[in-house]
């Protein structure tokens, strides 16, 4: 069992999150700061990696709170959320620069997460096809990363890894 405290500076206030972590993944923590569009990976209380991310838009915000990674998916599939194509696999992606590309599913990774108080498994940290959306609040609540950043993060995270998402 490890006892650590992570200090986070939010709008001029230093907030400490005391954590008691147990099990094989007690030494790792993912911290997402929504206002900074930032994902940080800590190991043994030390910052190991930091990545820029995109987050949920105002209408569909990224949930905040404490949780954990419950699932790892390679080649995760994206599906349309709204009619008329609801449920169908998204095969092509329109990029901000106007290009249309085939979604590179062999490179797509996803880390499903659960947050206390939110009774759903719909949220994940996943690769995005349009890197121009990184740093923006444009998702349906998920946390998006550049494909190359997710390919770097994915092998460093195990199921059960602690997750904290702050505003």
Foldseek 3Di string as FASTA:
>chain_A
DDWDWDWDQDPNDTDIDIDDADDPQRQWEWEAEQVQQKIFIGGNRHTDDMFHKEFADPVQGADFAKKFFADKDQLDWDADCDPPRGPDTDQWDQEPVGDIDGPPSRLKMWTFMDHPPDPDRPEIEIEDPYQVNGPYNHDNRYIYGHSVVCVVCRVVGDGGHMYGYDD
